[in-house]
C-alpha cells in the first residue's frame, strides 16, 4: 500500500503549538527581566568586561581575550579564537545584568580551559547534528513527495540530532551560570540583592534553552506520531 500523508496537522496543534507559545512567553520574560536588571547598577560599579576578567583570573586563565561586539544579548564565548565577546551594554555597562551575563560567558571559557566533559561531548556531536539538522526536512519532504516511507524515517532520525544537541547543551549552560554565581559570591562582585537579580537573569536565559529542547522534542514526537501507521 502507498505511503499516505494527511495534510491536516492535528499533532502540531496539540503538541507543538502550546510549546511554541510557552517558548515565546519565556523569551518575553527573559527580555523583560534583562531590561529590569540592566537598569540597576551594581554598588561596586564593576563593568561587564571587568567582571569577565575577574572570572578568568579566578580560574587562572591568561590566554583568553575580552572584546566588544554589536547587537543586543549577542554575548558569547568563541573557543576557536579564545575570545569572550560582549555586547556594548554588557562590555561597558555596570548593571547587575551586565555582570551576570559577562561572568556566565567567562564561565564557558573556564569550561574549555578545564576540558569540562559535557562541553567536549557537545562539541564532538556538533558536526553530526549540523548535518542532521540540514538534511532532515529535505529528506522528509522527498519521502512524502515520492511516497517512500524509509526516506521519511531517515529524515525523522536526522531531526532527532537537533534534540540531542539541545539536550547536551543544557548541562553546559547551567554549569556556566553556576560558575558565574560562585565567582560573583566568592569575590563579592555583587551585593546579596544584586546577586539575586543576576541569578534571575541567568535563570531566564537558561530557560530559553529548556524551551528550545521542549519545542524540538514536541516536533519529534509530532513527526513520529504523524508517520506511524500511515500505510493504508
C-alpha atoms as a PDB file:
ATOM      1  CA  UNK A   1       0.000   0.000   0.000  1.00  0.00           C
ATOM      2  CA  UNK A   2       1.241   3.528  -0.766  1.00  0.00           C
ATOM      3  CA  UNK A   3       2.522   5.826   1.930  1.00  0.00           C
ATOM      4  CA  UNK A   4      -0.225   8.364   2.718  1.00  0.00           C
ATOM      5  CA  UNK A   5       0.333  11.835   4.202  1.00  0.00           C
ATOM      6  CA  UNK A   6      -2.578  13.739   5.713  1.00  0.00           C
ATOM      7  CA  UNK A   7      -2.252  17.487   5.214  1.00  0.00           C
ATOM      8  CA  UNK A   8      -4.263  18.310   8.352  1.00  0.00           C
ATOM      9  CA  UNK A   9      -1.746  18.500  11.185  1.00  0.00           C
ATOM     10  CA  UNK A  10      -3.678  17.761  14.376  1.00  0.00           C
ATOM     11  CA  UNK A  11      -0.494  16.849  16.233  1.00  0.00           C
ATOM     12  CA  UNK A  12       1.059  20.244  15.519  1.00  0.00           C
ATOM     13  CA  UNK A  13      -1.907  21.998  17.109  1.00  0.00           C
ATOM     14  CA  UNK A  14      -1.998  19.706  20.136  1.00  0.00           C
ATOM     15  CA  UNK A  15       1.707  19.060  20.750  1.00  0.00           C
ATOM     16  CA  UNK A  16       3.848  21.753  19.159  1.00  0.00           C
ATOM     17  CA  UNK A  17       1.807  24.959  19.216  1.00  0.00           C
ATOM     18  CA  UNK A  18       1.398  25.073  23.044  1.00  0.00           C
ATOM     19  CA  UNK A  19       5.142  24.556  23.494  1.00  0.00           C
ATOM     20  CA  UNK A  20       5.941  27.306  20.988  1.00  0.00           C
ATOM     21  CA  UNK A  21       3.613  29.666  22.855  1.00  0.00           C
ATOM     22  CA  UNK A  22       5.329  28.766  26.123  1.00  0.00           C
ATOM     23  CA  UNK A  23       8.705  29.386  24.464  1.00  0.00           C
ATOM     24  CA  UNK A  24       7.599  32.839  23.307  1.00  0.00           C
ATOM     25  CA  UNK A  25       6.452  33.638  26.836  1.00  0.00           C
ATOM     26  CA  UNK A  26       9.871  32.630  28.173  1.00  0.00           C
ATOM     27  CA  UNK A  27      11.579  34.808  25.554  1.00  0.00           C
ATOM     28  CA  UNK A  28       9.401  37.735  26.608  1.00  0.00           C
ATOM     29  CA  UNK A  29      10.189  37.143  30.293  1.00  0.00           C
ATOM     30  CA  UNK A  30      13.909  36.989  29.520  1.00  0.00           C
ATOM     31  CA  UNK A  31      13.779  40.334  27.736  1.00  0.00           C
ATOM     32  CA  UNK A  32      11.716  41.939  30.489  1.00  0.00           C
ATOM     33  CA  UNK A  33      13.968  40.519  33.231  1.00  0.00           C
ATOM     34  CA  UNK A  34      17.066  41.682  31.372  1.00  0.00           C
ATOM     35  CA  UNK A  35      15.519  45.124  30.822  1.00  0.00           C
ATOM     36  CA  UNK A  36      14.759  45.431  34.534  1.00  0.00           C
ATOM     37  CA  UNK A  37      18.206  44.471  35.813  1.00  0.00           C
ATOM     38  CA  UNK A  38      20.083  46.265  33.045  1.00  0.00           C
ATOM     39  CA  UNK A  39      18.791  49.477  34.616  1.00  0.00           C
ATOM     40  CA  UNK A  40      20.053  48.600  38.103  1.00  0.00           C
ATOM     41  CA  UNK A  41      23.700  49.441  38.616  1.00  0.00           C
ATOM     42  CA  UNK A  42      25.901  47.407  40.919  1.00  0.00           C
ATOM     43  CA  UNK A  43      27.269  49.038  44.044  1.00  0.00           C
ATOM     44  CA  UNK A  44      30.931  48.474  43.093  1.00  0.00           C
ATOM     45  CA  UNK A  45      30.424  49.968  39.603  1.00  0.00           C
ATOM     46  CA  UNK A  46      32.117  46.937  38.030  1.00  0.00           C
ATOM     47  CA  UNK A  47      31.644  46.725  34.268  1.00  0.00           C
ATOM     48  CA  UNK A  48      30.847  43.509  32.456  1.00  0.00           C
ATOM     49  CA  UNK A  49      34.336  43.440  30.932  1.00  0.00           C
ATOM     50  CA  UNK A  50      35.929  43.797  34.362  1.00  0.00           C
ATOM     51  CA  UNK A  51      33.686  41.069  35.803  1.00  0.00           C
ATOM     52  CA  UNK A  52      34.584  38.672  32.984  1.00  0.00           C
ATOM     53  CA  UNK A  53      38.277  39.386  33.592  1.00  0.00           C
ATOM     54  CA  UNK A  54      37.851  38.592  37.296  1.00  0.00           C
ATOM     55  CA  UNK A  55      36.329  35.217  36.418  1.00  0.00           C
ATOM     56  CA  UNK A  56      39.286  34.466  34.157  1.00  0.00           C
ATOM     57  CA  UNK A  57      41.644  35.423  36.982  1.00  0.00           C
ATOM     58  CA  UNK A  58      39.715  33.218  39.403  1.00  0.00           C
ATOM     59  CA  UNK A  59      40.322  30.202  37.146  1.00  0.00           C
ATOM     60  CA  UNK A  60      43.899  31.179  36.301  1.00  0.00           C
ATOM     61  CA  UNK A  61      43.129  31.732  32.616  1.00  0.00           C
ATOM     62  CA  UNK A  62      45.577  34.067  30.867  1.00  0.00           C
ATOM     63  CA  UNK A  63      45.116  33.280  27.165  1.00  0.00           C
ATOM     64  CA  UNK A  64      41.525  34.476  26.656  1.00  0.00           C
ATOM     65  CA  UNK A  65      40.725  37.991  25.418  1.00  0.00           C
ATOM     66  CA  UNK A  66      37.594  40.059  26.016  1.00  0.00           C
ATOM     67  CA  UNK A  67      36.193  42.169  23.200  1.00  0.00           C
ATOM     68  CA  UNK A  68      33.183  44.341  22.483  1.00  0.00           C
ATOM     69  CA  UNK A  69      30.716  43.434  19.730  1.00  0.00           C
ATOM     70  CA  UNK A  70      27.478  44.872  18.404  1.00  0.00           C
ATOM     71  CA  UNK A  71      23.954  43.664  18.994  1.00  0.00           C
ATOM     72  CA  UNK A  72      21.743  43.070  21.995  1.00  0.00           C
ATOM     73  CA  UNK A  73      22.030  39.865  24.047  1.00  0.00           C
ATOM     74  CA  UNK A  74      24.606  38.741  21.469  1.00  0.00           C
ATOM     75  CA  UNK A  75      27.172  37.832  24.118  1.00  0.00           C
ATOM     76  CA  UNK A  76      29.103  34.594  23.601  1.00  0.00           C
ATOM     77  CA  UNK A  77      32.408  32.833  24.064  1.00  0.00           C
ATOM     78  CA  UNK A  78      34.305  31.851  20.918  1.00  0.00           C
ATOM     79  CA  UNK A  79      36.583  28.909  21.806  1.00  0.00           C
ATOM     80  CA  UNK A  80      38.203  28.884  18.351  1.00  0.00           C
ATOM     81  CA  UNK A  81      39.600  32.391  18.884  1.00  0.00           C
ATOM     82  CA  UNK A  82      39.630  32.233  22.695  1.00  0.00           C
ATOM     83  CA  UNK A  83      37.630  35.441  22.903  1.00  0.00           C
ATOM     84  CA  UNK A  84      34.758  36.442  25.169  1.00  0.00           C
ATOM     85  CA  UNK A  85      32.527  38.618  23.005  1.00  0.00           C
ATOM     86  CA  UNK A  86      30.346  41.030  24.959  1.00  0.00           C
ATOM     87  CA  UNK A  87      27.689  43.362  23.575  1.00  0.00           C
ATOM     88  CA  UNK A  88      28.091  47.103  24.160  1.00  0.00           C
ATOM     89  CA  UNK A  89      25.672  47.244  27.102  1.00  0.00           C
ATOM     90  CA  UNK A  90      27.422  44.334  28.794  1.00  0.00           C
ATOM     91  CA  UNK A  91      31.035  45.245  27.986  1.00  0.00           C
ATOM     92  CA  UNK A  92      30.856  48.819  29.258  1.00  0.00           C
ATOM     93  CA  UNK A  93      27.745  48.500  31.388  1.00  0.00           C
ATOM     94  CA  UNK A  94      27.897  48.273  35.177  1.00  0.00           C
ATOM     95  CA  UNK A  95      24.413  46.898  35.637  1.00  0.00           C
ATOM     96  CA  UNK A  96      23.512  43.783  37.594  1.00  0.00           C
ATOM     97  CA  UNK A  97      22.508  42.101  34.313  1.00  0.00           C
ATOM     98  CA  UNK A  98      25.809  43.026  32.620  1.00  0.00           C
ATOM     99  CA  UNK A  99      27.886  41.475  35.402  1.00  0.00           C
ATOM    100  CA  UNK A 100      25.809  38.288  35.438  1.00  0.00           C
ATOM    101  CA  UNK A 101      25.946  37.779  31.676  1.00  0.00           C
ATOM    102  CA  UNK A 102      29.659  38.597  31.411  1.00  0.00           C
ATOM    103  CA  UNK A 103      30.508  36.161  34.199  1.00  0.00           C
ATOM    104  CA  UNK A 104      28.383  33.495  32.502  1.00  0.00           C
ATOM    105  CA  UNK A 105      30.325  33.812  29.245  1.00  0.00           C
ATOM    106  CA  UNK A 106      33.595  33.733  31.159  1.00  0.00           C
ATOM    107  CA  UNK A 107      32.260  30.563  32.772  1.00  0.00           C
ATOM    108  CA  UNK A 108      32.242  28.988  29.299  1.00  0.00           C
ATOM    109  CA  UNK A 109      35.894  29.960  28.902  1.00  0.00           C
ATOM    110  CA  UNK A 110      36.614  28.192  32.193  1.00  0.00           C
ATOM    111  CA  UNK A 111      34.811  25.089  30.937  1.00  0.00           C
ATOM    112  CA  UNK A 112      37.037  24.933  27.864  1.00  0.00           C
ATOM    113  CA  UNK A 113      40.161  25.579  29.917  1.00  0.00           C
ATOM    114  CA  UNK A 114      39.288  22.677  32.213  1.00  0.00           C
ATOM    115  CA  UNK A 115      38.147  20.355  29.386  1.00  0.00           C
ATOM    116  CA  UNK A 116      34.722  20.133  31.004  1.00  0.00           C
ATOM    117  CA  UNK A 117      33.306  16.781  29.823  1.00  0.00           C
ATOM    118  CA  UNK A 118      29.779  17.920  28.779  1.00  0.00           C
ATOM    119  CA  UNK A 119      31.153  20.689  26.570  1.00  0.00           C
ATOM    120  CA  UNK A 120      33.630  18.260  24.976  1.00  0.00           C
ATOM    121  CA  UNK A 121      30.730  15.911  24.210  1.00  0.00           C
ATOM    122  CA  UNK A 122      28.617  18.746  22.776  1.00  0.00           C
ATOM    123  CA  UNK A 123      31.462  19.885  20.534  1.00  0.00           C
ATOM    124  CA  UNK A 124      32.055  16.289  19.439  1.00  0.00           C
ATOM    125  CA  UNK A 125      28.484  15.800  18.224  1.00  0.00           C
ATOM    126  CA  UNK A 126      28.087  19.313  16.781  1.00  0.00           C
ATOM    127  CA  UNK A 127      29.172  18.458  13.173  1.00  0.00           C
ATOM    128  CA  UNK A 128      26.853  15.440  13.022  1.00  0.00           C
ATOM    129  CA  UNK A 129      23.977  17.444  14.498  1.00  0.00           C
ATOM    130  CA  UNK A 130      24.508  20.257  11.988  1.00  0.00           C
ATOM    131  CA  UNK A 131      24.364  17.779   9.103  1.00  0.00           C
ATOM    132  CA  UNK A 132      21.282  16.114  10.568  1.00  0.00           C
ATOM    133  CA  UNK A 133      19.535  19.437  11.045  1.00  0.00           C
ATOM    134  CA  UNK A 134      20.266  20.483   7.454  1.00  0.00           C
ATOM    135  CA  UNK A 135      19.137  17.197   5.859  1.00  0.00           C
ATOM    136  CA  UNK A 136      16.121  16.283   7.986  1.00  0.00           C
ATOM    137  CA  UNK A 137      13.457  18.487   6.374  1.00  0.00           C
ATOM    138  CA  UNK A 138      14.571  17.890   2.743  1.00  0.00           C
ATOM    139  CA  UNK A 139      14.525  14.121   3.373  1.00  0.00           C
ATOM    140  CA  UNK A 140      11.084  14.306   4.969  1.00  0.00           C
ATOM    141  CA  UNK A 141       9.698  16.303   2.047  1.00  0.00           C
ATOM    142  CA  UNK A 142      11.300  13.981  -0.500  1.00  0.00           C
ATOM    143  CA  UNK A 143       9.909  10.944   1.318  1.00  0.00           C
ATOM    144  CA  UNK A 144       6.397  12.387   1.246  1.00  0.00           C
ATOM    145  CA  UNK A 145       6.598  13.516  -2.402  1.00  0.00           C
ATOM    146  CA  UNK A 146       7.842  10.138  -3.607  1.00  0.00           C
ATOM    147  CA  UNK A 147       5.728   8.158  -1.117  1.00  0.00           C
ATOM    148  CA  UNK A 148       8.883   6.460   0.142  1.00  0.00           C
ATOM    149  CA  UNK A 149       8.446   5.762   3.836  1.00  0.00           C
ATOM    150  CA  UNK A 150      12.058   4.722   4.655  1.00  0.00           C
ATOM    151  CA  UNK A 151      13.262   8.146   3.490  1.00  0.00           C
ATOM    152  CA  UNK A 152      10.755   9.795   5.831  1.00  0.00           C
ATOM    153  CA  UNK A 153      12.050   7.818   8.794  1.00  0.00           C
ATOM    154  CA  UNK A 154      15.637   8.662   7.896  1.00  0.00           C
ATOM    155  CA  UNK A 155      14.593  12.330   7.927  1.00  0.00           C
ATOM    156  CA  UNK A 156      12.989  11.897  11.345  1.00  0.00           C
ATOM    157  CA  UNK A 157      16.156  10.225  12.585  1.00  0.00           C
ATOM    158  CA  UNK A 158      18.242  13.158  11.387  1.00  0.00           C
ATOM    159  CA  UNK A 159      15.814  15.582  13.037  1.00  0.00           C
ATOM    160  CA  UNK A 160      16.409  13.778  16.333  1.00  0.00           C
ATOM    161  CA  UNK A 161      20.011  15.012  16.248  1.00  0.00           C
ATOM    162  CA  UNK A 162      18.697  18.535  16.865  1.00  0.00           C
ATOM    163  CA  UNK A 163      17.089  17.444  20.123  1.00  0.00           C
ATOM    164  CA  UNK A 164      20.219  15.515  21.118  1.00  0.00           C
ATOM    165  CA  UNK A 165      22.375  18.620  20.673  1.00  0.00           C
ATOM    166  CA  UNK A 166      19.976  20.801  22.634  1.00  0.00           C
ATOM    167  CA  UNK A 167      19.860  18.218  25.405  1.00  0.00           C
ATOM    168  CA  UNK A 168      23.672  18.188  25.516  1.00  0.00           C
ATOM    169  CA  UNK A 169      23.645  21.998  25.718  1.00  0.00           C
ATOM    170  CA  UNK A 170      21.636  22.151  28.957  1.00  0.00           C
ATOM    171  CA  UNK A 171      24.333  20.997  31.419  1.00  0.00           C
ATOM    172  CA  UNK A 172      26.836  23.295  29.692  1.00  0.00           C
ATOM    173  CA  UNK A 173      24.653  26.370  30.140  1.00  0.00           C
ATOM    174  CA  UNK A 174      23.584  25.580  33.707  1.00  0.00           C
ATOM    175  CA  UNK A 175      27.171  24.889  34.725  1.00  0.00           C
ATOM    176  CA  UNK A 176      28.406  28.178  33.235  1.00  0.00           C
ATOM    177  CA  UNK A 177      25.773  30.020  35.273  1.00  0.00           C
ATOM    178  CA  UNK A 178      26.782  28.181  38.445  1.00  0.00           C
ATOM    179  CA  UNK A 179      30.406  29.118  37.830  1.00  0.00           C
ATOM    180  CA  UNK A 180      29.370  32.740  37.305  1.00  0.00           C
ATOM    181  CA  UNK A 181      27.391  32.944  40.537  1.00  0.00           C
ATOM    182  CA  UNK A 182      30.138  31.182  42.510  1.00  0.00           C
ATOM    183  CA  UNK A 183      32.739  33.738  41.395  1.00  0.00           C
ATOM    184  CA  UNK A 184      30.346  36.630  41.974  1.00  0.00           C
ATOM    185  CA  UNK A 185      29.790  35.397  45.509  1.00  0.00           C
ATOM    186  CA  UNK A 186      33.415  34.454  46.242  1.00  0.00           C
ATOM    187  CA  UNK A 187      34.786  37.797  45.040  1.00  0.00           C
ATOM    188  CA  UNK A 188      31.873  39.886  46.366  1.00  0.00           C
ATOM    189  CA  UNK A 189      31.287  41.375  42.938  1.00  0.00           C
ATOM    190  CA  UNK A 190      27.638  41.997  43.781  1.00  0.00           C
ATOM    191  CA  UNK A 191      25.676  42.529  46.961  1.00  0.00           C
ATOM    192  CA  UNK A 192      23.263  39.811  48.099  1.00  0.00           C
ATOM    193  CA  UNK A 193      20.302  41.593  46.488  1.00  0.00           C
ATOM    194  CA  UNK A 194      22.230  42.277  43.299  1.00  0.00           C
ATOM    195  CA  UNK A 195      23.374  38.659  43.085  1.00  0.00           C
ATOM    196  CA  UNK A 196      19.735  37.549  43.314  1.00  0.00           C
ATOM    197  CA  UNK A 197      18.964  39.809  40.341  1.00  0.00           C
ATOM    198  CA  UNK A 198      21.833  38.358  38.312  1.00  0.00           C
ATOM    199  CA  UNK A 199      20.591  34.852  39.121  1.00  0.00           C
ATOM    200  CA  UNK A 200      17.141  35.744  37.791  1.00  0.00           C
ATOM    201  CA  UNK A 201      18.616  36.958  34.506  1.00  0.00           C
ATOM    202  CA  UNK A 202      20.743  33.826  34.104  1.00  0.00           C
ATOM    203  CA  UNK A 203      17.836  31.576  35.090  1.00  0.00           C
ATOM    204  CA  UNK A 204      15.583  33.059  32.411  1.00  0.00           C
ATOM    205  CA  UNK A 205      18.395  32.783  29.853  1.00  0.00           C
ATOM    206  CA  UNK A 206      18.813  29.098  30.751  1.00  0.00           C
ATOM    207  CA  UNK A 207      15.072  28.553  30.417  1.00  0.00           C
ATOM    208  CA  UNK A 208      15.266  29.578  26.755  1.00  0.00           C
ATOM    209  CA  UNK A 209      17.479  26.519  26.161  1.00  0.00           C
ATOM    210  CA  UNK A 210      14.976  24.340  28.018  1.00  0.00           C
ATOM    211  CA  UNK A 211      12.202  25.777  25.860  1.00  0.00           C
ATOM    212  CA  UNK A 212      14.175  25.110  22.657  1.00  0.00           C
ATOM    213  CA  UNK A 213      14.636  21.486  23.707  1.00  0.00           C
ATOM    214  CA  UNK A 214      10.930  21.182  24.518  1.00  0.00           C
ATOM    215  CA  UNK A 215       9.997  22.508  21.068  1.00  0.00           C
ATOM    216  CA  UNK A 216      12.343  20.045  19.370  1.00  0.00           C
ATOM    217  CA  UNK A 217      11.013  17.116  21.393  1.00  0.00           C
ATOM    218  CA  UNK A 218       7.428  18.127  20.646  1.00  0.00           C
ATOM    219  CA  UNK A 219       8.254  18.370  16.945  1.00  0.00           C
ATOM    220  CA  UNK A 220       9.984  14.993  17.038  1.00  0.00           C
ATOM    221  CA  UNK A 221       7.025  13.348  18.771  1.00  0.00           C
ATOM    222  CA  UNK A 222       4.677  15.001  16.308  1.00  0.00           C
ATOM    223  CA  UNK A 223       6.622  13.628  13.329  1.00  0.00           C
ATOM    224  CA  UNK A 224       6.734  10.131  14.793  1.00  0.00           C
ATOM    225  CA  UNK A 225       3.013  10.116  15.512  1.00  0.00           C
ATOM    226  CA  UNK A 226       2.154  11.579  12.123  1.00  0.00           C
ATOM    227  CA  UNK A 227       4.065   8.977  10.199  1.00  0.00           C
ATOM    228  CA  UNK A 228       3.318   5.988  12.394  1.00  0.00           C
ATOM    229  CA  UNK A 229       0.612   3.835  10.855  1.00  0.00           C
ATOM    230  CA  UNK A 230       0.269   5.997   7.746  1.00  0.00           C
ATOM    231  CA  UNK A 231       0.213   2.972   5.450  1.00  0.00           C
ATOM    232  CA  UNK A 232      -3.256   2.308   4.071  1.00  0.00           C
END
